[in-house]
Amino acid sequence: MKVRMADVAKKLGISKAAVSLAINNKPGVSEETRCRVLNCMEQLQQKCNSIYEERIPEKVIRIELITHKEEIGPVIEMDLGSEVFDAFEEEARKLNYNISFTTVYEDYESREKCIEECNMAVVEGVILFGTDMRAADRDFLKRINKPMVIYDYIVPEGDCSCVVIDARRTLELAVDELIKSGVTKTAYLATTKDVFIFNERRREFMNVMFDRGIPVEKSDIFPIGSNIAEIIGSAEEFLKANNTYDGLILENYQVSAGVIKAIDRIGIDKMRDIKMVGIDEIPKTFEGELGLTQIKIPHKDRAVITMQLLKKEIDGDANTKMRIYAVPTLLKGKTT
């Protein structure tokens, strides 16, 4: 059982964002707060472990996050992942399941342990976070002999049911909003992360622009960093040097947050002629005065659907493998 950042924040009376910064050793919180957070997390973890050891769960759903990184920063930065995990836990309780969450790294030992734990008799089913998944990862997954649904990745062969964001619809919303705002040339500001959902968005950016008859090149996609701190500096350089693009699509919440901070440094008045759409919502604390137009991704709904789909697999009611696309919506702001 893992202690959630929400639990630590509630215990200490501070924000989840502050907890995230503290446990990831990032600037923005004092050393005193960092020590309080780490001590609180250790105490709560010990309490969780003692409670867990006193009982044997009857039914467990394993949630496995495959990663090729040494840390899971993309998931927990600004604690945006908590909404998804909370939804999984809430839905699991309704179905009388316990949740067990594990990060699976790319080394042999980590993956063998994952297979062993997923195949335990107590495990009813597996939800696989495939955001950072690679095609080669699918081989070891075939050794998991439990009902399984994949979240944020499409298995082309159709071996598993999956729930993903509708990348095509996402980029249609972004491109069409910029066209409607009078934009003549659009840049796509991306992270430097080579993961499935972002590669899908970049591909659909090219496709939608082409389908709309708008000239586009791969050079219109600008990778500007992997985390918010890095993106701020790169975005500031891009915005100061830009004399070509009057429209921007921001790939995810990290890019949006970094660009907003960069604009704050440059001055909002100097940037008012640039139209922008950010994919995924950012916390209110990062919005500032800009009023970014955003595309809402239904994270909680996807988690609920994933759990319900897995329940069908567990009960033997799923006669076919399904691919479910979550449809995003546009949240109109001041930037378009």
C-alpha atoms as a PDB file:
ATOM      1  CA  MET A   1       0.000   0.000   0.000  1.00  0.00           C
ATOM      2  CA  LYS A   2       1.370   3.384  -1.025  1.00  0.00           C
ATOM      3  CA  VAL A   3       0.776   6.625   0.860  1.00  0.00           C
ATOM      4  CA  ARG A   4      -0.899   9.200  -1.375  1.00  0.00           C
ATOM      5  CA  MET A   5       0.279  12.784  -1.568  1.00  0.00           C
ATOM      6  CA  ALA A   6      -3.296  13.817  -0.760  1.00  0.00           C
ATOM      7  CA  ASP A   7      -2.982  12.000   2.600  1.00  0.00           C
ATOM      8  CA  VAL A   8       0.251  13.818   3.455  1.00  0.00           C
ATOM      9  CA  ALA A   9      -1.183  17.185   2.379  1.00  0.00           C
ATOM     10  CA  LYS A  10      -4.267  16.662   4.541  1.00  0.00           C
ATOM     11  CA  LYS A  11      -2.213  15.566   7.539  1.00  0.00           C
ATOM     12  CA  LEU A  12       0.102  18.606   7.343  1.00  0.00           C
ATOM     13  CA  GLY A  13      -2.483  21.143   6.163  1.00  0.00           C
ATOM     14  CA  ILE A  14      -0.564  22.064   3.005  1.00  0.00           C
ATOM     15  CA  SER A  15      -1.293  21.773  -0.735  1.00  0.00           C
ATOM     16  CA  LYS A  16      -0.742  18.597  -2.759  1.00  0.00           C
ATOM     17  CA  ALA A  17       1.477  20.612  -5.095  1.00  0.00           C
ATOM     18  CA  ALA A  18       3.766  21.485  -2.164  1.00  0.00           C
ATOM     19  CA  VAL A  19       3.973  17.807  -1.208  1.00  0.00           C
ATOM     20  CA  SER A  20       4.856  16.899  -4.801  1.00  0.00           C
ATOM     21  CA  LEU A  21       7.637  19.485  -4.898  1.00  0.00           C
ATOM     22  CA  ALA A  22       9.008  18.263  -1.558  1.00  0.00           C
ATOM     23  CA  ILE A  23       9.154  14.533  -2.356  1.00  0.00           C
ATOM     24  CA  ASN A  24      10.638  15.188  -5.803  1.00  0.00           C
ATOM     25  CA  ASN A  25      13.298  17.489  -4.308  1.00  0.00           C
ATOM     26  CA  LYS A  26      12.264  20.426  -6.478  1.00  0.00           C
ATOM     27  CA  PRO A  27      12.458  24.137  -5.690  1.00  0.00           C
ATOM     28  CA  GLY A  28       9.417  25.964  -4.373  1.00  0.00           C
ATOM     29  CA  VAL A  29       9.232  24.743  -0.767  1.00  0.00           C
ATOM     30  CA  SER A  30      11.439  25.409   2.247  1.00  0.00           C
ATOM     31  CA  GLU A  31      13.825  22.825   3.668  1.00  0.00           C
ATOM     32  CA  GLU A  32      11.690  22.723   6.818  1.00  0.00           C
ATOM     33  CA  THR A  33       8.575  21.859   4.800  1.00  0.00           C
ATOM     34  CA  ARG A  34      10.505  19.249   2.824  1.00  0.00           C
ATOM     35  CA  CYS A  35      11.619  17.527   6.047  1.00  0.00           C
ATOM     36  CA  ARG A  36       8.088  17.640   7.485  1.00  0.00           C
ATOM     37  CA  VAL A  37       6.679  16.080   4.297  1.00  0.00           C
ATOM     38  CA  LEU A  38       9.255  13.271   4.184  1.00  0.00           C
ATOM     39  CA  ASN A  39       8.842  12.487   7.891  1.00  0.00           C
ATOM     40  CA  CYS A  40       5.048  12.491   7.595  1.00  0.00           C
ATOM     41  CA  MET A  41       5.177  10.238   4.539  1.00  0.00           C
ATOM     42  CA  GLU A  42       7.432   7.760   6.352  1.00  0.00           C
ATOM     43  CA  GLN A  43       5.137   7.676   9.398  1.00  0.00           C
ATOM     44  CA  LEU A  44       2.006   7.188   7.299  1.00  0.00           C
ATOM     45  CA  GLN A  45       3.726   4.487   5.248  1.00  0.00           C
ATOM     46  CA  GLN A  46       4.668   2.572   8.381  1.00  0.00           C
ATOM     47  CA  LYS A  47       1.068   2.790   9.560  1.00  0.00           C
ATOM     48  CA  CYS A  48      -0.236   1.591   6.181  1.00  0.00           C
ATOM     49  CA  ASN A  49       2.207  -1.313   6.157  1.00  0.00           C
ATOM     50  CA  SER A  50       1.171  -2.455   9.628  1.00  0.00           C
ATOM     51  CA  ILE A  51      -2.506  -2.330   8.680  1.00  0.00           C
ATOM     52  CA  TYR A  52      -1.847  -4.188   5.441  1.00  0.00           C
ATOM     53  CA  GLU A  53       0.138  -6.919   7.190  1.00  0.00           C
ATOM     54  CA  GLU A  54      -2.743  -7.566   9.595  1.00  0.00           C
ATOM     55  CA  ARG A  55      -5.137  -8.594   6.850  1.00  0.00           C
ATOM     56  CA  ILE A  56      -5.072 -10.725   3.752  1.00  0.00           C
ATOM     57  CA  PRO A  57      -7.061  -9.047   0.980  1.00  0.00           C
ATOM     58  CA  GLU A  58      -9.574 -11.364  -0.639  1.00  0.00           C
ATOM     59  CA  LYS A  59      -9.625  -9.709  -4.051  1.00  0.00           C
ATOM     60  CA  VAL A  60      -6.899  -7.519  -5.509  1.00  0.00           C
ATOM     61  CA  ILE A  61      -6.535  -5.521  -8.709  1.00  0.00           C
ATOM     62  CA  ARG A  62      -2.945  -4.767  -9.631  1.00  0.00           C
ATOM     63  CA  ILE A  63      -2.188  -1.413 -11.265  1.00  0.00           C
ATOM     64  CA  GLU A  64       1.157  -1.602 -13.048  1.00  0.00           C
ATOM     65  CA  LEU A  65       2.873   1.496 -14.427  1.00  0.00           C
ATOM     66  CA  ILE A  66       5.479   0.578 -17.044  1.00  0.00           C
ATOM     67  CA  THR A  67       8.278   3.108 -17.248  1.00  0.00           C
ATOM     68  CA  HIS A  68      11.643   3.470 -18.936  1.00  0.00           C
ATOM     69  CA  LYS A  69      12.690   6.148 -16.465  1.00  0.00           C
ATOM     70  CA  GLU A  70      14.242   6.029 -13.014  1.00  0.00           C
ATOM     71  CA  GLU A  71      11.306   7.986 -11.612  1.00  0.00           C
ATOM     72  CA  ILE A  72       7.654   8.527 -12.486  1.00  0.00           C
ATOM     73  CA  GLY A  73       7.809  12.324 -12.644  1.00  0.00           C
ATOM     74  CA  PRO A  74       5.449  12.547 -15.677  1.00  0.00           C
ATOM     75  CA  VAL A  75       2.706  10.987 -13.567  1.00  0.00           C
ATOM     76  CA  ILE A  76       3.082  12.774 -10.249  1.00  0.00           C
ATOM     77  CA  GLU A  77       4.351  16.254 -11.180  1.00  0.00           C
ATOM     78  CA  MET A  78       1.835  18.785  -9.792  1.00  0.00           C
ATOM     79  CA  ASP A  79      -0.067  15.720  -8.488  1.00  0.00           C
ATOM     80  CA  LEU A  80      -2.289  15.536 -11.578  1.00  0.00           C
ATOM     81  CA  GLY A  81      -2.148  11.756 -11.394  1.00  0.00           C
ATOM     82  CA  SER A  82      -4.017  11.702  -8.077  1.00  0.00           C
ATOM     83  CA  GLU A  83      -7.367  12.295  -9.796  1.00  0.00           C
ATOM     84  CA  VAL A  84      -6.896   9.099 -11.802  1.00  0.00           C
ATOM     85  CA  PHE A  85      -5.719   6.987  -8.866  1.00  0.00           C
ATOM     86  CA  ASP A  86      -8.520   8.293  -6.651  1.00  0.00           C
ATOM     87  CA  ALA A  87     -11.025   7.303  -9.321  1.00  0.00           C
ATOM     88  CA  PHE A  88      -9.535   3.802  -9.536  1.00  0.00           C
ATOM     89  CA  GLU A  89      -9.699   3.389  -5.774  1.00  0.00           C
ATOM     90  CA  GLU A  90     -13.253   4.687  -5.532  1.00  0.00           C
ATOM     91  CA  GLU A  91     -14.481   2.403  -8.298  1.00  0.00           C
ATOM     92  CA  ALA A  92     -12.580  -0.563  -6.842  1.00  0.00           C
ATOM     93  CA  ARG A  93     -14.261  -0.070  -3.467  1.00  0.00           C
ATOM     94  CA  LYS A  94     -17.669  -0.126  -5.144  1.00  0.00           C
ATOM     95  CA  LEU A  95     -16.751  -3.482  -6.693  1.00  0.00           C
ATOM     96  CA  ASN A  96     -15.279  -4.806  -3.409  1.00  0.00           C
ATOM     97  CA  TYR A  97     -11.684  -4.904  -4.666  1.00  0.00           C
ATOM     98  CA  ASN A  98      -8.427  -3.771  -3.111  1.00  0.00           C
ATOM     99  CA  ILE A  99      -5.910  -1.835  -5.227  1.00  0.00           C
ATOM    100  CA  SER A 100      -2.191  -2.595  -5.363  1.00  0.00           C
ATOM    101  CA  PHE A 101      -0.042  -0.093  -7.304  1.00  0.00           C
ATOM    102  CA  THR A 102       3.488  -0.822  -8.565  1.00  0.00           C
ATOM    103  CA  THR A 103       5.959   0.827 -10.917  1.00  0.00           C
ATOM    104  CA  VAL A 104       7.583  -1.609 -13.357  1.00  0.00           C
ATOM    105  CA  TYR A 105      11.023  -0.635 -14.643  1.00  0.00           C
ATOM    106  CA  GLU A 106      12.697  -2.027 -17.747  1.00  0.00           C
ATOM    107  CA  ASP A 107      15.263  -4.235 -15.981  1.00  0.00           C
ATOM    108  CA  TYR A 108      14.803  -8.013 -15.963  1.00  0.00           C
ATOM    109  CA  GLU A 109      14.346  -8.315 -12.189  1.00  0.00           C
ATOM    110  CA  SER A 110      11.599  -5.683 -12.030  1.00  0.00           C
ATOM    111  CA  ARG A 111       9.647  -7.289 -14.853  1.00  0.00           C
ATOM    112  CA  GLU A 112       9.960 -10.811 -13.517  1.00  0.00           C
ATOM    113  CA  LYS A 113       8.676  -9.576 -10.164  1.00  0.00           C
ATOM    114  CA  CYS A 114       5.750  -7.880 -11.929  1.00  0.00           C
ATOM    115  CA  ILE A 115       4.794 -11.110 -13.699  1.00  0.00           C
ATOM    116  CA  GLU A 116       5.067 -13.124 -10.491  1.00  0.00           C
ATOM    117  CA  GLU A 117       2.949 -10.695  -8.462  1.00  0.00           C
ATOM    118  CA  CYS A 118       0.302 -10.248 -11.156  1.00  0.00           C
ATOM    119  CA  ASN A 119      -0.121 -14.019 -11.466  1.00  0.00           C
ATOM    120  CA  MET A 120      -0.699 -14.557  -7.726  1.00  0.00           C
ATOM    121  CA  ALA A 121      -3.931 -16.330  -6.870  1.00  0.00           C
ATOM    122  CA  VAL A 122      -5.224 -13.341  -4.892  1.00  0.00           C
ATOM    123  CA  VAL A 123      -5.039 -11.086  -7.985  1.00  0.00           C
ATOM    124  CA  GLU A 124      -8.298 -10.874  -9.923  1.00  0.00           C
ATOM    125  CA  GLY A 125      -7.162  -8.561 -12.727  1.00  0.00           C
ATOM    126  CA  VAL A 126      -4.508  -6.129 -13.934  1.00  0.00           C
ATOM    127  CA  ILE A 127      -4.660  -2.525 -15.171  1.00  0.00           C
ATOM    128  CA  LEU A 128      -1.566  -1.565 -17.093  1.00  0.00           C
ATOM    129  CA  PHE A 129      -0.529   2.086 -17.421  1.00  0.00           C
ATOM    130  CA  GLY A 130       0.958   2.068 -20.901  1.00  0.00           C
ATOM    131  CA  THR A 131       1.834   5.766 -21.267  1.00  0.00           C
ATOM    132  CA  ASP A 132       5.559   4.982 -21.408  1.00  0.00           C
ATOM    133  CA  MET A 133       5.144   1.585 -23.059  1.00  0.00           C
ATOM    134  CA  ARG A 134       7.198   0.411 -26.041  1.00  0.00           C
ATOM    135  CA  ALA A 135       6.351  -2.216 -28.652  1.00  0.00           C
ATOM    136  CA  ALA A 136       9.030  -4.523 -27.188  1.00  0.00           C
ATOM    137  CA  ASP A 137       7.301  -4.414 -23.790  1.00  0.00           C
ATOM    138  CA  ARG A 138       4.365  -6.415 -25.121  1.00  0.00           C
ATOM    139  CA  ASP A 139       6.348  -9.687 -25.041  1.00  0.00           C
ATOM    140  CA  PHE A 140       6.622  -9.886 -21.260  1.00  0.00           C
ATOM    141  CA  LEU A 141       2.962  -8.873 -20.847  1.00  0.00           C
ATOM    142  CA  LYS A 142       1.909 -12.079 -22.607  1.00  0.00           C
ATOM    143  CA  ARG A 143       3.155 -13.947 -19.532  1.00  0.00           C
ATOM    144  CA  ILE A 144       0.565 -12.266 -17.292  1.00  0.00           C
ATOM    145  CA  ASN A 145      -2.229 -14.820 -17.033  1.00  0.00           C
ATOM    146  CA  LYS A 146      -4.915 -12.561 -15.635  1.00  0.00           C
ATOM    147  CA  PRO A 147      -7.696 -10.431 -17.145  1.00  0.00           C
ATOM    148  CA  MET A 148      -6.036  -7.186 -18.198  1.00  0.00           C
ATOM    149  CA  VAL A 149      -6.979  -3.758 -19.585  1.00  0.00           C
ATOM    150  CA  ILE A 150      -4.397  -1.278 -20.875  1.00  0.00           C
ATOM    151  CA  TYR A 151      -4.690   2.427 -20.075  1.00  0.00           C
ATOM    152  CA  ASP A 152      -3.083   4.998 -22.421  1.00  0.00           C
ATOM    153  CA  TYR A 153      -1.743   2.592 -25.044  1.00  0.00           C
ATOM    154  CA  ILE A 154      -3.132   0.748 -28.054  1.00  0.00           C
ATOM    155  CA  VAL A 155      -2.109  -2.860 -28.649  1.00  0.00           C
ATOM    156  CA  PRO A 156      -2.344  -3.145 -32.449  1.00  0.00           C
ATOM    157  CA  GLU A 157      -2.916  -6.904 -32.404  1.00  0.00           C
ATOM    158  CA  GLY A 158      -5.984  -6.506 -30.209  1.00  0.00           C
ATOM    159  CA  ASP A 159      -4.679  -8.904 -27.545  1.00  0.00           C
ATOM    160  CA  CYS A 160      -6.004  -6.656 -24.756  1.00  0.00           C
ATOM    161  CA  SER A 161      -8.838  -4.199 -24.325  1.00  0.00           C
ATOM    162  CA  CYS A 162      -7.628  -0.632 -23.939  1.00  0.00           C
ATOM    163  CA  VAL A 163      -8.858   2.848 -23.033  1.00  0.00           C
ATOM    164  CA  VAL A 164      -7.125   5.827 -24.661  1.00  0.00           C
ATOM    165  CA  ILE A 165      -7.602   9.523 -25.361  1.00  0.00           C
ATOM    166  CA  ASP A 166      -9.027  10.351 -28.782  1.00  0.00           C
ATOM    167  CA  ALA A 167      -5.899  12.045 -30.126  1.00  0.00           C
ATOM    168  CA  ARG A 168      -7.545  12.848 -33.453  1.00  0.00           C
ATOM    169  CA  ARG A 169     -10.440  14.701 -31.837  1.00  0.00           C
ATOM    170  CA  THR A 170      -8.037  16.451 -29.443  1.00  0.00           C
ATOM    171  CA  LEU A 171      -6.007  17.956 -32.273  1.00  0.00           C
ATOM    172  CA  GLU A 172      -9.086  18.756 -34.344  1.00  0.00           C
ATOM    173  CA  LEU A 173     -10.376  20.866 -31.459  1.00  0.00           C
ATOM    174  CA  ALA A 174      -7.026  22.650 -31.081  1.00  0.00           C
ATOM    175  CA  VAL A 175      -6.364  23.292 -34.789  1.00  0.00           C
ATOM    176  CA  ASP A 176      -9.932  24.347 -35.591  1.00  0.00           C
ATOM    177  CA  GLU A 177     -10.009  26.761 -32.647  1.00  0.00           C
ATOM    178  CA  LEU A 178      -6.835  28.444 -33.885  1.00  0.00           C
ATOM    179  CA  ILE A 179      -8.128  28.614 -37.455  1.00  0.00           C
ATOM    180  CA  LYS A 180     -11.333  30.195 -36.176  1.00  0.00           C
ATOM    181  CA  SER A 181      -9.220  32.751 -34.286  1.00  0.00           C
ATOM    182  CA  GLY A 182      -7.520  33.832 -37.506  1.00  0.00           C
ATOM    183  CA  VAL A 183      -4.185  32.067 -37.025  1.00  0.00           C
ATOM    184  CA  THR A 184      -2.141  31.698 -40.222  1.00  0.00           C
ATOM    185  CA  LYS A 185       0.841  29.625 -38.993  1.00  0.00           C
ATOM    186  CA  THR A 186       0.872  27.253 -36.035  1.00  0.00           C
ATOM    187  CA  ALA A 187       3.755  25.852 -34.005  1.00  0.00           C
ATOM    188  CA  TYR A 188       3.348  22.729 -31.887  1.00  0.00           C
ATOM    189  CA  LEU A 189       5.353  23.020 -28.653  1.00  0.00           C
ATOM    190  CA  ALA A 190       6.130  19.513 -27.408  1.00  0.00           C
ATOM    191  CA  THR A 191       7.881  17.820 -24.538  1.00  0.00           C
ATOM    192  CA  THR A 192      11.035  15.839 -25.203  1.00  0.00           C
ATOM    193  CA  LYS A 193       9.331  12.662 -23.945  1.00  0.00           C
ATOM    194  CA  ASP A 194       9.106   9.754 -26.358  1.00  0.00           C
ATOM    195  CA  VAL A 195       5.871   8.241 -25.071  1.00  0.00           C
ATOM    196  CA  PHE A 196       2.825   6.842 -26.810  1.00  0.00           C
ATOM    197  CA  ILE A 197       0.203   9.500 -26.075  1.00  0.00           C
ATOM    198  CA  PHE A 198       2.491  12.374 -27.061  1.00  0.00           C
ATOM    199  CA  ASN A 199       3.653  10.649 -30.239  1.00  0.00           C
ATOM    200  CA  GLU A 200      -0.011  10.166 -31.127  1.00  0.00           C
ATOM    201  CA  ARG A 201      -0.715  13.874 -30.603  1.00  0.00           C
ATOM    202  CA  ARG A 202       2.225  14.909 -32.772  1.00  0.00           C
ATOM    203  CA  ARG A 203       1.148  12.558 -35.542  1.00  0.00           C
ATOM    204  CA  GLU A 204      -2.429  13.823 -35.449  1.00  0.00           C
ATOM    205  CA  PHE A 205      -1.232  17.443 -35.460  1.00  0.00           C
ATOM    206  CA  MET A 206       0.396  16.760 -38.816  1.00  0.00           C
ATOM    207  CA  ASN A 207      -2.632  14.833 -40.103  1.00  0.00           C
ATOM    208  CA  VAL A 208      -5.229  17.415 -39.083  1.00  0.00           C
ATOM    209  CA  MET A 209      -3.223  20.321 -40.482  1.00  0.00           C
ATOM    210  CA  PHE A 210      -2.823  18.420 -43.766  1.00  0.00           C
ATOM    211  CA  ASP A 211      -6.533  17.547 -43.867  1.00  0.00           C
ATOM    212  CA  ARG A 212      -7.418  21.207 -43.334  1.00  0.00           C
ATOM    213  CA  GLY A 213      -5.201  22.162 -46.282  1.00  0.00           C
ATOM    214  CA  ILE A 214      -2.728  24.035 -44.084  1.00  0.00           C
ATOM    215  CA  PRO A 215       0.991  23.773 -44.972  1.00  0.00           C
ATOM    216  CA  VAL A 216       2.836  21.954 -42.217  1.00  0.00           C
ATOM    217  CA  GLU A 217       6.307  20.466 -41.730  1.00  0.00           C
ATOM    218  CA  LYS A 218       7.861  18.318 -39.010  1.00  0.00           C
ATOM    219  CA  SER A 219       9.985  21.366 -38.239  1.00  0.00           C
ATOM    220  CA  ASP A 220       6.799  23.048 -36.945  1.00  0.00           C
ATOM    221  CA  ILE A 221       7.018  20.688 -33.947  1.00  0.00           C
ATOM    222  CA  PHE A 222       9.385  22.075 -31.298  1.00  0.00           C
ATOM    223  CA  PRO A 223      10.506  19.815 -28.399  1.00  0.00           C
ATOM    224  CA  ILE A 224      11.221  22.256 -25.566  1.00  0.00           C
ATOM    225  CA  GLY A 225      11.854  20.148 -22.452  1.00  0.00           C
ATOM    226  CA  SER A 226      10.814  17.284 -20.199  1.00  0.00           C
ATOM    227  CA  ASN A 227       9.751  19.162 -17.062  1.00  0.00           C
ATOM    228  CA  ILE A 228       8.271  22.548 -16.188  1.00  0.00           C
ATOM    229  CA  ALA A 229      11.517  24.148 -15.001  1.00  0.00           C
ATOM    230  CA  GLU A 230      13.311  23.181 -18.217  1.00  0.00           C
ATOM    231  CA  ILE A 231      10.383  24.208 -20.405  1.00  0.00           C
ATOM    232  CA  ILE A 232      10.193  27.723 -18.927  1.00  0.00           C
ATOM    233  CA  GLY A 233      13.656  28.633 -20.178  1.00  0.00           C
ATOM    234  CA  SER A 234      13.212  27.026 -23.601  1.00  0.00           C
ATOM    235  CA  ALA A 235       9.778  28.582 -24.057  1.00  0.00           C
ATOM    236  CA  GLU A 236      11.121  32.022 -23.184  1.00  0.00           C
ATOM    237  CA  GLU A 237      13.853  31.665 -25.823  1.00  0.00           C
ATOM    238  CA  PHE A 238      11.340  30.452 -28.417  1.00  0.00           C
ATOM    239  CA  LEU A 239       8.849  33.255 -27.756  1.00  0.00           C
ATOM    240  CA  LYS A 240      11.494  35.967 -27.870  1.00  0.00           C
ATOM    241  CA  ALA A 241      12.946  34.650 -31.136  1.00  0.00           C
ATOM    242  CA  ASN A 242       9.601  33.873 -32.783  1.00  0.00           C
ATOM    243  CA  ASN A 243       8.617  36.142 -35.660  1.00  0.00           C
ATOM    244  CA  THR A 244       6.858  33.490 -37.740  1.00  0.00           C
ATOM    245  CA  TYR A 245       4.121  31.762 -35.739  1.00  0.00           C
ATOM    246  CA  ASP A 246       0.922  33.459 -34.594  1.00  0.00           C
ATOM    247  CA  GLY A 247      -0.611  30.289 -33.136  1.00  0.00           C
ATOM    248  CA  LEU A 248       0.656  27.751 -30.585  1.00  0.00           C
ATOM    249  CA  ILE A 249      -0.558  24.315 -29.554  1.00  0.00           C
ATOM    250  CA  LEU A 250       0.870  23.240 -26.181  1.00  0.00           C
ATOM    251  CA  GLU A 251       1.261  19.468 -25.946  1.00  0.00           C
ATOM    252  CA  ASN A 252       0.421  18.846 -22.290  1.00  0.00           C
ATOM    253  CA  TYR A 253       0.000  20.537 -18.902  1.00  0.00           C
ATOM    254  CA  GLN A 254       3.771  20.760 -18.352  1.00  0.00           C
ATOM    255  CA  VAL A 255       4.262  22.660 -21.617  1.00  0.00           C
ATOM    256  CA  SER A 256       1.274  24.894 -20.825  1.00  0.00           C
ATOM    257  CA  ALA A 257       2.562  25.689 -17.326  1.00  0.00           C
ATOM    258  CA  GLY A 258       6.072  26.390 -18.643  1.00  0.00           C
ATOM    259  CA  VAL A 259       4.852  28.645 -21.454  1.00  0.00           C
ATOM    260  CA  ILE A 260       2.623  30.615 -19.084  1.00  0.00           C
ATOM    261  CA  LYS A 261       5.550  31.209 -16.721  1.00  0.00           C
ATOM    262  CA  ALA A 262       7.724  32.238 -19.679  1.00  0.00           C
ATOM    263  CA  ILE A 263       5.078  34.733 -20.813  1.00  0.00           C
ATOM    264  CA  ASP A 264       4.916  36.150 -17.289  1.00  0.00           C
ATOM    265  CA  ARG A 265       8.652  36.826 -17.528  1.00  0.00           C
ATOM    266  CA  ILE A 266       8.425  38.421 -20.970  1.00  0.00           C
ATOM    267  CA  GLY A 267       5.246  40.363 -20.250  1.00  0.00           C
ATOM    268  CA  ILE A 268       1.698  39.462 -21.220  1.00  0.00           C
ATOM    269  CA  ASP A 269       1.197  42.638 -23.265  1.00  0.00           C
ATOM    270  CA  LYS A 270       3.980  41.596 -25.639  1.00  0.00           C
ATOM    271  CA  MET A 271       2.334  38.226 -26.269  1.00  0.00           C
ATOM    272  CA  ARG A 272      -1.298  39.208 -26.827  1.00  0.00           C
ATOM    273  CA  ASP A 273      -1.101  38.723 -30.605  1.00  0.00           C
ATOM    274  CA  ILE A 274      -0.250  35.023 -30.229  1.00  0.00           C
ATOM    275  CA  LYS A 275      -3.204  32.632 -29.994  1.00  0.00           C
ATOM    276  CA  MET A 276      -2.758  29.506 -27.859  1.00  0.00           C
ATOM    277  CA  VAL A 277      -4.509  26.256 -27.001  1.00  0.00           C
ATOM    278  CA  GLY A 278      -3.188  23.996 -24.235  1.00  0.00           C
ATOM    279  CA  ILE A 279      -3.933  20.265 -24.237  1.00  0.00           C
ATOM    280  CA  ASP A 280      -5.043  19.102 -20.791  1.00  0.00           C
ATOM    281  CA  GLU A 281      -6.071  21.326 -17.928  1.00  0.00           C
ATOM    282  CA  ILE A 282      -3.560  22.962 -15.620  1.00  0.00           C
ATOM    283  CA  PRO A 283      -4.138  23.817 -11.942  1.00  0.00           C
ATOM    284  CA  LYS A 284      -5.592  27.251 -11.224  1.00  0.00           C
ATOM    285  CA  THR A 285      -2.383  28.239  -9.446  1.00  0.00           C
ATOM    286  CA  PHE A 286      -0.518  28.030 -12.752  1.00  0.00           C
ATOM    287  CA  GLU A 287      -3.042  29.907 -14.871  1.00  0.00           C
ATOM    288  CA  GLY A 288      -2.077  33.440 -13.838  1.00  0.00           C
ATOM    289  CA  GLU A 289      -3.771  36.264 -15.736  1.00  0.00           C
ATOM    290  CA  LEU A 290      -3.435  34.673 -19.152  1.00  0.00           C
ATOM    291  CA  GLY A 291      -6.713  32.736 -19.209  1.00  0.00           C
ATOM    292  CA  LEU A 292      -5.444  29.913 -21.406  1.00  0.00           C
ATOM    293  CA  THR A 293      -7.864  28.157 -23.769  1.00  0.00           C
ATOM    294  CA  GLN A 294      -7.568  24.475 -22.816  1.00  0.00           C
ATOM    295  CA  ILE A 295      -8.720  21.064 -23.950  1.00  0.00           C
ATOM    296  CA  LYS A 296     -10.179  19.031 -21.105  1.00  0.00           C
ATOM    297  CA  ILE A 297      -9.128  15.388 -21.082  1.00  0.00           C
ATOM    298  CA  PRO A 298     -11.622  13.199 -19.149  1.00  0.00           C
ATOM    299  CA  HIS A 299      -9.081  11.495 -16.870  1.00  0.00           C
ATOM    300  CA  LYS A 300     -11.507  10.422 -14.156  1.00  0.00           C
ATOM    301  CA  ASP A 301     -14.049   9.076 -16.642  1.00  0.00           C
ATOM    302  CA  ARG A 302     -11.334   7.036 -18.351  1.00  0.00           C
ATOM    303  CA  ALA A 303     -10.330   5.495 -15.035  1.00  0.00           C
ATOM    304  CA  VAL A 304     -13.926   4.520 -14.257  1.00  0.00           C
ATOM    305  CA  ILE A 305     -14.444   3.027 -17.724  1.00  0.00           C
ATOM    306  CA  THR A 306     -11.159   1.102 -17.441  1.00  0.00           C
ATOM    307  CA  MET A 307     -12.228  -0.418 -14.141  1.00  0.00           C
ATOM    308  CA  GLN A 308     -15.666  -1.343 -15.466  1.00  0.00           C
ATOM    309  CA  LEU A 309     -14.136  -2.913 -18.554  1.00  0.00           C
ATOM    310  CA  LEU A 310     -11.758  -4.951 -16.401  1.00  0.00           C
ATOM    311  CA  LYS A 311     -14.695  -6.154 -14.275  1.00  0.00           C
ATOM    312  CA  LYS A 312     -16.324  -7.525 -17.431  1.00  0.00           C
ATOM    313  CA  GLU A 313     -13.075  -9.315 -18.267  1.00  0.00           C
ATOM    314  CA  ILE A 314     -12.893 -10.770 -14.741  1.00  0.00           C
ATOM    315  CA  ASP A 315     -16.510 -11.934 -14.826  1.00  0.00           C
ATOM    316  CA  GLY A 316     -16.069 -13.502 -18.254  1.00  0.00           C
ATOM    317  CA  ASP A 317     -18.647 -11.165 -19.804  1.00  0.00           C
ATOM    318  CA  ALA A 318     -16.245  -9.650 -22.356  1.00  0.00           C
ATOM    319  CA  ASN A 319     -16.528 -11.786 -25.480  1.00  0.00           C
ATOM    320  CA  THR A 320     -14.424  -9.394 -27.571  1.00  0.00           C
ATOM    321  CA  LYS A 321     -11.499  -7.083 -26.959  1.00  0.00           C
ATOM    322  CA  MET A 322     -12.526  -3.428 -27.012  1.00  0.00           C
ATOM    323  CA  ARG A 323     -10.751  -0.167 -27.822  1.00  0.00           C
ATOM    324  CA  ILE A 324     -12.461   2.792 -26.142  1.00  0.00           C
ATOM    325  CA  TYR A 325     -11.613   6.387 -27.045  1.00  0.00           C
ATOM    326  CA  ALA A 326     -12.297   9.131 -24.492  1.00  0.00           C
ATOM    327  CA  VAL A 327     -13.525  12.290 -26.215  1.00  0.00           C
ATOM    328  CA  PRO A 328     -12.069  15.620 -24.987  1.00  0.00           C
ATOM    329  CA  THR A 329     -13.861  18.975 -24.807  1.00  0.00           C
ATOM    330  CA  LEU A 330     -12.754  22.575 -25.425  1.00  0.00           C
ATOM    331  CA  LEU A 331     -12.641  25.039 -22.536  1.00  0.00           C
ATOM    332  CA  LYS A 332     -12.684  28.472 -24.142  1.00  0.00           C
ATOM    333  CA  GLY A 333     -10.303  30.985 -22.570  1.00  0.00           C
ATOM    334  CA  LYS A 334      -8.822  34.393 -23.325  1.00  0.00           C
ATOM    335  CA  THR A 335      -6.003  33.150 -25.570  1.00  0.00           C
ATOM    336  CA  THR A 336      -8.167  32.400 -28.643  1.00  0.00           C
END
